[in-house]
Amino acid sequence: MMNLNDILMMDLTVDTKEQALSAMSSMLINTGYVTPNYMEAILKREQSFPTGLPVQPYGVAVPHADSKHVIESQVVFAALRRPVVFQQMGNDQQDIDVSFIFMLAFRDPTEHLQHVQKLFLCLQDTTFMQQLNQIKKKSHLLQLINNIET
């Protein structure tokens, strides 16, 4: 069974999006899901193509990098202790206070697109967002995230 500590970060304490992305990238690198270049690639991509989403009532970011940096597909989730500022997807002049981050690492672009579509549907669901905010145990979070797959 997959170690929940490999993919879930509860109550992550960071001051900037760069710190959050670095912590999450390090988790993927250290567990062998991505290449050592992944962290640099995701930071660079976030700078050029921001991923903050103004989801109500909590901002969400969905950072990702090119599939050439991915060894094995994986999603890492972080619930932040305090929101950090990301720029809005499609409007980098707009700041978004992000509370939740789904870092996507997929080898297959088609797989990536399918997961993004499912995730975006969930993020638009008020009940899903309320459940996400109330979760305190990693096992409950994994169950909620696994429901995205169905």
Foldseek 3Di string as FASTA:
>chain_A
DDDLVLAEAEADEDAAVLVVLVVNVVSCCVVVFFPPCFSVQQVVCCVVFNAWDQQPPAIEGETEGDQVGGPHWDKHKYFHNFFHWGAHGPGNVHIHRHGMYIYTHHNDPVVVVLLVVLVVVLSNDPVSVVQCVPDDDSVSVVVSSVVSVD
